[in-house]
C-alpha atoms as a PDB file:
ATOM      1  CA  UNK A   1      86.676 140.309 104.793  1.00  0.00           C
ATOM      2  CA  UNK A   2      88.731 136.890 103.489  1.00  0.00           C
ATOM      3  CA  UNK A   3      91.067 134.948 105.797  1.00  0.00           C
ATOM      4  CA  UNK A   4      94.095 132.806 104.339  1.00  0.00           C
ATOM      5  CA  UNK A   5      94.281 128.908 105.306  1.00  0.00           C
ATOM      6  CA  UNK A   6      97.180 129.254 105.243  1.00  0.00           C
ATOM      7  CA  UNK A   7      98.884 132.560 107.645  1.00  0.00           C
ATOM      8  CA  UNK A   8      97.729 132.751 111.324  1.00  0.00           C
ATOM      9  CA  UNK A   9      99.484 131.285 114.443  1.00  0.00           C
ATOM     10  CA  UNK A  10      98.521 127.783 112.572  1.00  0.00           C
ATOM     11  CA  UNK A  11     100.461 127.968 109.004  1.00  0.00           C
ATOM     12  CA  UNK A  12     102.749 125.249 108.785  1.00  0.00           C
ATOM     13  CA  UNK A  13     106.536 126.948 108.157  1.00  0.00           C
ATOM     14  CA  UNK A  14     108.620 126.221 105.162  1.00  0.00           C
ATOM     15  CA  UNK A  15     110.600 123.736 107.637  1.00  0.00           C
ATOM     16  CA  UNK A  16     107.797 122.120 108.350  1.00  0.00           C
ATOM     17  CA  UNK A  17     106.855 121.289 105.188  1.00  0.00           C
ATOM     18  CA  UNK A  18     109.927 120.983 103.355  1.00  0.00           C
ATOM     19  CA  UNK A  19     110.922 118.061 106.424  1.00  0.00           C
ATOM     20  CA  UNK A  20     107.594 116.191 105.815  1.00  0.00           C
ATOM     21  CA  UNK A  21     108.687 115.968 102.359  1.00  0.00           C
ATOM     22  CA  UNK A  22     111.499 115.146 102.522  1.00  0.00           C
ATOM     23  CA  UNK A  23     110.234 111.976 104.915  1.00  0.00           C
ATOM     24  CA  UNK A  24     107.937 111.769 102.769  1.00  0.00           C
ATOM     25  CA  UNK A  25     109.984 111.057  99.948  1.00  0.00           C
ATOM     26  CA  UNK A  26     112.250 109.055 101.707  1.00  0.00           C
ATOM     27  CA  UNK A  27     109.537 106.499 102.845  1.00  0.00           C
ATOM     28  CA  UNK A  28     108.385 105.888  99.186  1.00  0.00           C
ATOM     29  CA  UNK A  29     112.200 104.815  97.967  1.00  0.00           C
ATOM     30  CA  UNK A  30     111.839 102.391 100.865  1.00  0.00           C
ATOM     31  CA  UNK A  31     108.508 101.163 100.039  1.00  0.00           C
ATOM     32  CA  UNK A  32     109.080 100.483  96.606  1.00  0.00           C
ATOM     33  CA  UNK A  33     112.869  99.146  97.664  1.00  0.00           C
ATOM     34  CA  UNK A  34     111.386  96.696  99.529  1.00  0.00           C
ATOM     35  CA  UNK A  35     108.580  95.785  97.864  1.00  0.00           C
ATOM     36  CA  UNK A  36     110.447  94.926  94.746  1.00  0.00           C
ATOM     37  CA  UNK A  37     113.025  92.997  96.875  1.00  0.00           C
ATOM     38  CA  UNK A  38     110.187  90.799  98.416  1.00  0.00           C
ATOM     39  CA  UNK A  39     107.989  90.753  95.206  1.00  0.00           C
ATOM     40  CA  UNK A  40     110.988  89.684  92.992  1.00  0.00           C
ATOM     41  CA  UNK A  41     114.120  88.247  95.197  1.00  0.00           C
ATOM     42  CA  UNK A  42     112.556  87.032  98.190  1.00  0.00           C
ATOM     43  CA  UNK A  43     109.734  85.422  96.113  1.00  0.00           C
ATOM     44  CA  UNK A  44     106.306  87.111  97.915  1.00  0.00           C
ATOM     45  CA  UNK A  45     102.445  87.350  97.141  1.00  0.00           C
ATOM     46  CA  UNK A  46     102.254  90.877  96.245  1.00  0.00           C
ATOM     47  CA  UNK A  47      99.733  91.677  98.831  1.00  0.00           C
ATOM     48  CA  UNK A  48     102.399  89.669 101.180  1.00  0.00           C
ATOM     49  CA  UNK A  49     104.561  92.423  99.786  1.00  0.00           C
ATOM     50  CA  UNK A  50     103.078  95.608 100.206  1.00  0.00           C
ATOM     51  CA  UNK A  51     101.499  94.617 103.360  1.00  0.00           C
ATOM     52  CA  UNK A  52     105.374  95.076 104.669  1.00  0.00           C
ATOM     53  CA  UNK A  53     106.971  97.508 102.275  1.00  0.00           C
ATOM     54  CA  UNK A  54     103.861  99.855 104.280  1.00  0.00           C
ATOM     55  CA  UNK A  55     104.325  99.267 107.134  1.00  0.00           C
ATOM     56  CA  UNK A  56     108.244  99.032 107.142  1.00  0.00           C
ATOM     57  CA  UNK A  57     107.732 102.550 104.754  1.00  0.00           C
ATOM     58  CA  UNK A  58     105.403 103.473 107.957  1.00  0.00           C
ATOM     59  CA  UNK A  59     107.836 103.446 110.424  1.00  0.00           C
ATOM     60  CA  UNK A  60     110.144 105.204 108.680  1.00  0.00           C
ATOM     61  CA  UNK A  61     108.156 108.375 108.069  1.00  0.00           C
ATOM     62  CA  UNK A  62     107.297 107.895 111.587  1.00  0.00           C
ATOM     63  CA  UNK A  63     110.910 108.036 112.467  1.00  0.00           C
ATOM     64  CA  UNK A  64     111.433 110.457 110.384  1.00  0.00           C
ATOM     65  CA  UNK A  65     108.971 112.788 111.911  1.00  0.00           C
ATOM     66  CA  UNK A  66     109.925 112.478 114.911  1.00  0.00           C
ATOM     67  CA  UNK A  67     113.075 112.705 114.892  1.00  0.00           C
ATOM     68  CA  UNK A  68     112.960 115.459 112.304  1.00  0.00           C
ATOM     69  CA  UNK A  69     110.428 117.425 111.243  1.00  0.00           C
ATOM     70  CA  UNK A  70     108.702 117.433 114.573  1.00  0.00           C
ATOM     71  CA  UNK A  71     111.616 116.615 116.800  1.00  0.00           C
ATOM     72  CA  UNK A  72     110.369 119.906 119.116  1.00  0.00           C
ATOM     73  CA  UNK A  73     107.363 118.093 119.475  1.00  0.00           C
ATOM     74  CA  UNK A  74     106.992 115.442 121.925  1.00  0.00           C
ATOM     75  CA  UNK A  75     105.511 111.472 121.730  1.00  0.00           C
ATOM     76  CA  UNK A  76     105.548 109.169 123.468  1.00  0.00           C
ATOM     77  CA  UNK A  77     104.264 105.548 124.266  1.00  0.00           C
ATOM     78  CA  UNK A  78     102.426 103.814 121.060  1.00  0.00           C
ATOM     79  CA  UNK A  79      99.345 105.660 121.052  1.00  0.00           C
ATOM     80  CA  UNK A  80     101.104 108.010 118.275  1.00  0.00           C
ATOM     81  CA  UNK A  81     102.824 105.696 116.044  1.00  0.00           C
ATOM     82  CA  UNK A  82      98.803 103.997 116.098  1.00  0.00           C
ATOM     83  CA  UNK A  83      97.116 106.999 114.615  1.00  0.00           C
ATOM     84  CA  UNK A  84      99.641 108.468 112.527  1.00  0.00           C
ATOM     85  CA  UNK A  85      99.727 104.495 110.468  1.00  0.00           C
ATOM     86  CA  UNK A  86      96.125 104.868 110.725  1.00  0.00           C
ATOM     87  CA  UNK A  87      96.038 108.678 108.424  1.00  0.00           C
ATOM     88  CA  UNK A  88      99.025 106.633 106.370  1.00  0.00           C
ATOM     89  CA  UNK A  89      95.909 103.967 106.306  1.00  0.00           C
ATOM     90  CA  UNK A  90      93.441 106.692 104.865  1.00  0.00           C
ATOM     91  CA  UNK A  91      95.637 108.352 102.968  1.00  0.00           C
ATOM     92  CA  UNK A  92      96.189 104.666 100.897  1.00  0.00           C
ATOM     93  CA  UNK A  93      92.252 104.580 100.623  1.00  0.00           C
ATOM     94  CA  UNK A  94      92.442 107.895  99.035  1.00  0.00           C
ATOM     95  CA  UNK A  95      94.696 106.512  96.412  1.00  0.00           C
ATOM     96  CA  UNK A  96      92.740 103.268  95.898  1.00  0.00           C
ATOM     97  CA  UNK A  97      89.476 105.625  95.616  1.00  0.00           C
ATOM     98  CA  UNK A  98      90.796 108.014  92.531  1.00  0.00           C
ATOM     99  CA  UNK A  99      92.153 104.800  91.524  1.00  0.00           C
ATOM    100  CA  UNK A 100      89.063 102.998  91.608  1.00  0.00           C
ATOM    101  CA  UNK A 101      86.516 106.469  90.297  1.00  0.00           C
ATOM    102  CA  UNK A 102      88.684 106.826  87.626  1.00  0.00           C
ATOM    103  CA  UNK A 103      88.742 102.922  86.215  1.00  0.00           C
ATOM    104  CA  UNK A 104      85.526 101.954  87.275  1.00  0.00           C
ATOM    105  CA  UNK A 105      83.386 104.765  87.751  1.00  0.00           C
ATOM    106  CA  UNK A 106      84.226 106.496  84.777  1.00  0.00           C
ATOM    107  CA  UNK A 107      85.597 103.838  82.489  1.00  0.00           C
ATOM    108  CA  UNK A 108      89.191 105.325  81.808  1.00  0.00           C
ATOM    109  CA  UNK A 109      90.824 102.174  81.904  1.00  0.00           C
ATOM    110  CA  UNK A 110      94.595 102.722  79.979  1.00  0.00           C
ATOM    111  CA  UNK A 111      97.429 102.881  82.219  1.00  0.00           C
ATOM    112  CA  UNK A 112      97.891 105.807  81.371  1.00  0.00           C
ATOM    113  CA  UNK A 113      95.078 106.740  83.023  1.00  0.00           C
ATOM    114  CA  UNK A 114      95.180 103.863  86.559  1.00  0.00           C
ATOM    115  CA  UNK A 115      98.356 106.411  86.875  1.00  0.00           C
ATOM    116  CA  UNK A 116      97.413 110.137  86.982  1.00  0.00           C
ATOM    117  CA  UNK A 117      94.381 108.562  89.251  1.00  0.00           C
ATOM    118  CA  UNK A 118      95.964 106.505  91.458  1.00  0.00           C
ATOM    119  CA  UNK A 119      99.427 107.721  91.758  1.00  0.00           C
ATOM    120  CA  UNK A 120      98.995 111.203  90.565  1.00  0.00           C
ATOM    121  CA  UNK A 121      95.966 112.930  91.740  1.00  0.00           C
ATOM    122  CA  UNK A 122      95.255 109.909  94.600  1.00  0.00           C
ATOM    123  CA  UNK A 123      99.202 110.815  96.016  1.00  0.00           C
ATOM    124  CA  UNK A 124      98.094 114.340  95.985  1.00  0.00           C
ATOM    125  CA  UNK A 125      95.561 114.337  98.151  1.00  0.00           C
ATOM    126  CA  UNK A 126      96.165 111.393  99.770  1.00  0.00           C
ATOM    127  CA  UNK A 127      99.841 113.533 101.033  1.00  0.00           C
ATOM    128  CA  UNK A 128      97.414 116.678 102.057  1.00  0.00           C
ATOM    129  CA  UNK A 129      95.187 114.303 104.315  1.00  0.00           C
ATOM    130  CA  UNK A 130      98.592 112.777 105.399  1.00  0.00           C
ATOM    131  CA  UNK A 131     100.068 115.894 106.285  1.00  0.00           C
ATOM    132  CA  UNK A 132      97.031 117.738 107.577  1.00  0.00           C
ATOM    133  CA  UNK A 133      96.298 114.060 109.702  1.00  0.00           C
ATOM    134  CA  UNK A 134      99.648 114.069 111.051  1.00  0.00           C
ATOM    135  CA  UNK A 135      99.977 117.239 111.898  1.00  0.00           C
ATOM    136  CA  UNK A 136      96.925 117.892 114.010  1.00  0.00           C
ATOM    137  CA  UNK A 137      96.549 114.409 115.033  1.00  0.00           C
ATOM    138  CA  UNK A 138     100.443 113.002 116.149  1.00  0.00           C
ATOM    139  CA  UNK A 139     102.751 115.858 116.074  1.00  0.00           C
ATOM    140  CA  UNK A 140     100.298 118.201 118.510  1.00  0.00           C
ATOM    141  CA  UNK A 141     103.010 121.558 118.829  1.00  0.00           C
ATOM    142  CA  UNK A 142     102.007 124.046 121.768  1.00  0.00           C
ATOM    143  CA  UNK A 143     100.108 126.673 120.835  1.00  0.00           C
ATOM    144  CA  UNK A 144      98.902 125.545 118.008  1.00  0.00           C
ATOM    145  CA  UNK A 145      95.302 123.913 118.144  1.00  0.00           C
ATOM    146  CA  UNK A 146      95.857 121.813 115.380  1.00  0.00           C
ATOM    147  CA  UNK A 147      94.673 122.284 112.096  1.00  0.00           C
ATOM    148  CA  UNK A 148      96.570 124.297 109.777  1.00  0.00           C
ATOM    149  CA  UNK A 149      92.647 125.275 107.713  1.00  0.00           C
ATOM    150  CA  UNK A 150      92.164 128.075 110.141  1.00  0.00           C
END
């Protein structure tokens, strides 16, 4: 007998998936816009600009998920935000790993290959990790063990 990973009491509902995606898109827009402003008109270096835009985007994503997607769960204090930040760092590491494997390991060095590996494949895998980590470790609902993988 087979079981579906998305069924039962741990299955995410459509509202949760759509809310998480909407908040993620908003956070991505904040990251991109702030990075562009900090890198361009503000004249900051690329790593400083990216670190600040990443921190701002994480804050927007946390607030959006806490006030929207997971508004029915009760999280308090700095611990949930710290765990959320770590989950997002892990997602960023997944994206970098995909890019590194493709570029340096497989020798696919074109701009298109870098974009596909880092911004498409890496982003997809990172989003799955972020969704799982966010609902498992940050916004645990009553009656849900935490994992949607069964």
